[in-house]
Amino acid sequence: MVFLIKSNPWEGIVQLIVVFIMFLFVLALAYLAARVAGRFQGNIQSKSNIKVLESARVANNKYIQLVKLGDRYFAVGIGKDTITYLAELSQDDLNLERINDPSRGSFKDILSQLQKKKEDQDYEDREFKNREYEDDELEDRK
């Protein structure tokens, strides 16, 4: 193999840098492809007459979904191989404010909250360990 033969130690470093740059290039292309595909899917779904408003898991591989078809609302049961019509609902039967509530937050907001919660928990754990250590030192001095 040509890659294994080195006449100069700098050639190995240069090869490593080139491979790293190629990796970053491929990673950037994958990211861009995912973004374009996501936007394309979002545009298709926003123009669709069919929207799944809410989904609740009832059992393993069984869900109840609230679906909007045009201006009508339906509750359907989703199983492994079947979809069962449960009921048609009027807009008065639904709590649409909760479904469309922007205060539920985006994924970014939820992730930020979880990270802050974890940081707070880590801080509390460190403080607890410090207090235990200080208590042990006090007992040793006595």
C-alpha atoms as a PDB file:
ATOM      1  CA  MET A   1       0.000   0.000   0.000  1.00  0.00           C
ATOM      2  CA  VAL A   2       1.141   3.462  -0.807  1.00  0.00           C
ATOM      3  CA  PHE A   3      -0.196   4.860   2.501  1.00  0.00           C
ATOM      4  CA  LEU A   4       2.060   2.644   4.572  1.00  0.00           C
ATOM      5  CA  ILE A   5       5.300   3.667   2.885  1.00  0.00           C
ATOM      6  CA  LYS A   6       6.675   6.887   4.321  1.00  0.00           C
ATOM      7  CA  SER A   7       9.926   8.488   3.357  1.00  0.00           C
ATOM      8  CA  ASN A   8       9.408  11.507   5.556  1.00  0.00           C
ATOM      9  CA  PRO A   9       7.741  11.759   8.997  1.00  0.00           C
ATOM     10  CA  TRP A  10       5.873  14.881   7.847  1.00  0.00           C
ATOM     11  CA  GLU A  11       4.072  12.902   5.150  1.00  0.00           C
ATOM     12  CA  GLY A  12       2.178  10.945   7.803  1.00  0.00           C
ATOM     13  CA  ILE A  13       1.042  14.133   9.494  1.00  0.00           C
ATOM     14  CA  VAL A  14       0.004  15.640   6.147  1.00  0.00           C
ATOM     15  CA  GLN A  15      -1.977  12.473   5.306  1.00  0.00           C
ATOM     16  CA  LEU A  16      -3.709  12.626   8.686  1.00  0.00           C
ATOM     17  CA  ILE A  17      -4.661  16.260   8.124  1.00  0.00           C
ATOM     18  CA  VAL A  18      -5.957  15.510   4.610  1.00  0.00           C
ATOM     19  CA  VAL A  19      -8.077  12.606   5.892  1.00  0.00           C
ATOM     20  CA  PHE A  20      -9.443  14.812   8.697  1.00  0.00           C
ATOM     21  CA  ILE A  21     -10.359  17.554   6.195  1.00  0.00           C
ATOM     22  CA  MET A  22     -12.085  14.990   3.968  1.00  0.00           C
ATOM     23  CA  PHE A  23     -14.015  13.705   7.008  1.00  0.00           C
ATOM     24  CA  LEU A  24     -15.171  17.244   7.859  1.00  0.00           C
ATOM     25  CA  PHE A  25     -16.215  17.783   4.235  1.00  0.00           C
ATOM     26  CA  VAL A  26     -18.305  14.594   4.174  1.00  0.00           C
ATOM     27  CA  LEU A  27     -19.816  15.497   7.551  1.00  0.00           C
ATOM     28  CA  ALA A  28     -20.784  18.952   6.261  1.00  0.00           C
ATOM     29  CA  LEU A  29     -22.368  17.436   3.146  1.00  0.00           C
ATOM     30  CA  ALA A  30     -24.400  15.006   5.275  1.00  0.00           C
ATOM     31  CA  TYR A  31     -25.578  17.881   7.492  1.00  0.00           C
ATOM     32  CA  LEU A  32     -26.640  19.963   4.493  1.00  0.00           C
ATOM     33  CA  ALA A  33     -28.446  17.012   2.914  1.00  0.00           C
ATOM     34  CA  ALA A  34     -30.360  16.405   6.156  1.00  0.00           C
ATOM     35  CA  ARG A  35     -31.343  20.082   6.378  1.00  0.00           C
ATOM     36  CA  VAL A  36     -32.576  20.167   2.772  1.00  0.00           C
ATOM     37  CA  ALA A  37     -34.545  16.946   3.246  1.00  0.00           C
ATOM     38  CA  GLY A  38     -36.068  18.285   6.466  1.00  0.00           C
ATOM     39  CA  ARG A  39     -37.185  21.504   4.807  1.00  0.00           C
ATOM     40  CA  PHE A  40     -38.638  19.574   1.888  1.00  0.00           C
ATOM     41  CA  GLN A  41     -40.628  17.315   4.242  1.00  0.00           C
ATOM     42  CA  GLY A  42     -41.787  20.324   6.264  1.00  0.00           C
ATOM     43  CA  ASN A  43     -43.061  22.083   3.149  1.00  0.00           C
ATOM     44  CA  ILE A  44     -44.966  19.007   2.028  1.00  0.00           C
ATOM     45  CA  GLN A  45     -46.580  18.483   5.434  1.00  0.00           C
ATOM     46  CA  SER A  46     -47.543  22.133   5.883  1.00  0.00           C
ATOM     47  CA  LYS A  47     -49.457  22.089   2.589  1.00  0.00           C
ATOM     48  CA  SER A  48     -51.187  18.797   3.349  1.00  0.00           C
ATOM     49  CA  ASN A  49     -54.851  18.407   4.302  1.00  0.00           C
ATOM     50  CA  ILE A  50     -53.960  15.597   6.696  1.00  0.00           C
ATOM     51  CA  LYS A  51     -52.375  16.372  10.068  1.00  0.00           C
ATOM     52  CA  VAL A  52     -51.778  14.169  13.108  1.00  0.00           C
ATOM     53  CA  LEU A  53     -52.525  16.536  15.981  1.00  0.00           C
ATOM     54  CA  GLU A  54     -51.865  14.262  18.919  1.00  0.00           C
ATOM     55  CA  SER A  55     -50.861  10.685  19.624  1.00  0.00           C
ATOM     56  CA  ALA A  56     -51.147   8.662  22.832  1.00  0.00           C
ATOM     57  CA  ARG A  57     -49.667   5.227  23.435  1.00  0.00           C
ATOM     58  CA  VAL A  58     -52.232   2.790  24.809  1.00  0.00           C
ATOM     59  CA  ALA A  59     -50.236  -0.446  24.752  1.00  0.00           C
ATOM     60  CA  ASN A  60     -47.238  -1.944  23.005  1.00  0.00           C
ATOM     61  CA  ASN A  61     -47.564  -1.004  19.303  1.00  0.00           C
ATOM     62  CA  LYS A  62     -51.051   0.452  19.900  1.00  0.00           C
ATOM     63  CA  TYR A  63     -51.871   4.149  19.748  1.00  0.00           C
ATOM     64  CA  ILE A  64     -54.840   6.477  19.677  1.00  0.00           C
ATOM     65  CA  GLN A  65     -54.317   9.395  17.343  1.00  0.00           C
ATOM     66  CA  LEU A  66     -56.241  12.595  16.838  1.00  0.00           C
ATOM     67  CA  VAL A  67     -56.195  13.336  13.116  1.00  0.00           C
ATOM     68  CA  LYS A  68     -57.378  16.419  11.250  1.00  0.00           C
ATOM     69  CA  LEU A  69     -58.630  15.755   7.701  1.00  0.00           C
ATOM     70  CA  GLY A  70     -59.480  19.044   6.064  1.00  0.00           C
ATOM     71  CA  ASP A  71     -61.811  20.723   8.574  1.00  0.00           C
ATOM     72  CA  ARG A  72     -62.930  17.520  10.319  1.00  0.00           C
ATOM     73  CA  TYR A  73     -61.382  15.772  13.318  1.00  0.00           C
ATOM     74  CA  PHE A  74     -61.203  12.019  13.879  1.00  0.00           C
ATOM     75  CA  ALA A  75     -59.982   9.713  16.602  1.00  0.00           C
ATOM     76  CA  VAL A  76     -58.382   6.571  15.201  1.00  0.00           C
ATOM     77  CA  GLY A  77     -56.845   3.519  16.785  1.00  0.00           C
ATOM     78  CA  ILE A  78     -53.504   2.467  15.338  1.00  0.00           C
ATOM     79  CA  GLY A  79     -52.319  -1.125  15.737  1.00  0.00           C
ATOM     80  CA  LYS A  80     -49.485  -3.115  14.243  1.00  0.00           C
ATOM     81  CA  ASP A  81     -51.400  -3.983  11.075  1.00  0.00           C
ATOM     82  CA  THR A  82     -54.668  -2.065  11.423  1.00  0.00           C
ATOM     83  CA  ILE A  83     -56.146   1.397  11.628  1.00  0.00           C
ATOM     84  CA  THR A  84     -59.571   1.561  13.262  1.00  0.00           C
ATOM     85  CA  TYR A  85     -61.996   4.457  13.102  1.00  0.00           C
ATOM     86  CA  LEU A  86     -63.073   5.338  16.637  1.00  0.00           C
ATOM     87  CA  ALA A  87     -65.091   8.562  16.407  1.00  0.00           C
ATOM     88  CA  GLU A  88     -65.558  11.855  14.641  1.00  0.00           C
ATOM     89  CA  LEU A  89     -65.077  14.793  16.969  1.00  0.00           C
ATOM     90  CA  SER A  90     -66.284  18.359  16.736  1.00  0.00           C
ATOM     91  CA  GLN A  91     -63.998  21.281  17.313  1.00  0.00           C
ATOM     92  CA  ASP A  92     -65.880  21.980  20.575  1.00  0.00           C
ATOM     93  CA  ASP A  93     -64.888  18.532  21.902  1.00  0.00           C
ATOM     94  CA  LEU A  94     -61.194  19.302  21.543  1.00  0.00           C
ATOM     95  CA  ASN A  95     -58.780  21.405  23.544  1.00  0.00           C
ATOM     96  CA  LEU A  96     -56.969  22.868  20.541  1.00  0.00           C
ATOM     97  CA  GLU A  97     -55.263  25.605  22.576  1.00  0.00           C
ATOM     98  CA  ARG A  98     -53.157  22.974  24.327  1.00  0.00           C
ATOM     99  CA  ILE A  99     -52.222  21.307  21.039  1.00  0.00           C
ATOM    100  CA  ASN A 100     -51.253  24.590  19.359  1.00  0.00           C
ATOM    101  CA  ASP A 101     -49.713  26.074  22.512  1.00  0.00           C
ATOM    102  CA  PRO A 102     -46.311  27.624  21.628  1.00  0.00           C
ATOM    103  CA  SER A 103     -45.313  27.528  25.307  1.00  0.00           C
ATOM    104  CA  ARG A 104     -44.722  23.790  24.924  1.00  0.00           C
ATOM    105  CA  GLY A 105     -41.446  24.902  23.441  1.00  0.00           C
ATOM    106  CA  SER A 106     -39.264  23.742  20.648  1.00  0.00           C
ATOM    107  CA  PHE A 107     -36.828  20.859  20.876  1.00  0.00           C
ATOM    108  CA  LYS A 108     -34.038  23.368  21.480  1.00  0.00           C
ATOM    109  CA  ASP A 109     -35.900  24.904  24.448  1.00  0.00           C
ATOM    110  CA  ILE A 110     -36.652  21.519  25.982  1.00  0.00           C
ATOM    111  CA  LEU A 111     -33.038  20.394  25.532  1.00  0.00           C
ATOM    112  CA  SER A 112     -31.788  23.612  27.163  1.00  0.00           C
ATOM    113  CA  GLN A 113     -34.084  23.031  30.142  1.00  0.00           C
ATOM    114  CA  LEU A 114     -32.847  19.459  30.523  1.00  0.00           C
ATOM    115  CA  GLN A 115     -29.208  20.550  30.339  1.00  0.00           C
ATOM    116  CA  LYS A 116     -29.800  23.243  32.978  1.00  0.00           C
ATOM    117  CA  LYS A 117     -31.553  20.695  35.198  1.00  0.00           C
ATOM    118  CA  LYS A 118     -28.611  18.301  34.825  1.00  0.00           C
ATOM    119  CA  GLU A 119     -26.094  21.052  35.612  1.00  0.00           C
ATOM    120  CA  ASP A 120     -28.083  21.989  38.728  1.00  0.00           C
ATOM    121  CA  GLN A 121     -28.193  18.340  39.795  1.00  0.00           C
ATOM    122  CA  ASP A 122     -24.438  17.965  39.218  1.00  0.00           C
ATOM    123  CA  TYR A 123     -23.820  21.087  41.308  1.00  0.00           C
ATOM    124  CA  GLU A 124     -26.003  19.734  44.129  1.00  0.00           C
ATOM    125  CA  ASP A 125     -24.174  16.382  43.990  1.00  0.00           C
ATOM    126  CA  ARG A 126     -20.782  18.126  44.235  1.00  0.00           C
ATOM    127  CA  GLU A 127     -21.990  20.230  47.155  1.00  0.00           C
ATOM    128  CA  PHE A 128     -23.299  17.121  48.929  1.00  0.00           C
ATOM    129  CA  LYS A 129     -19.990  15.310  48.449  1.00  0.00           C
ATOM    130  CA  ASN A 130     -18.074  18.357  49.706  1.00  0.00           C
ATOM    131  CA  ARG A 131     -20.247  18.473  52.841  1.00  0.00           C
ATOM    132  CA  GLU A 132     -19.695  14.739  53.404  1.00  0.00           C
ATOM    133  CA  TYR A 133     -15.949  15.210  53.012  1.00  0.00           C
ATOM    134  CA  GLU A 134     -15.944  18.132  55.447  1.00  0.00           C
ATOM    135  CA  ASP A 135     -18.020  16.125  57.948  1.00  0.00           C
ATOM    136  CA  ASP A 136     -15.563  13.225  57.684  1.00  0.00           C
ATOM    137  CA  GLU A 137     -12.642  15.585  58.313  1.00  0.00           C
ATOM    138  CA  LEU A 138     -14.352  17.009  61.399  1.00  0.00           C
ATOM    139  CA  GLU A 139     -14.948  13.515  62.767  1.00  0.00           C
ATOM    140  CA  ASP A 140     -11.315  12.563  62.136  1.00  0.00           C
ATOM    141  CA  ARG A 141     -10.118  15.625  64.071  1.00  0.00           C
ATOM    142  CA  LYS A 142     -12.186  14.678  67.102  1.00  0.00           C
END
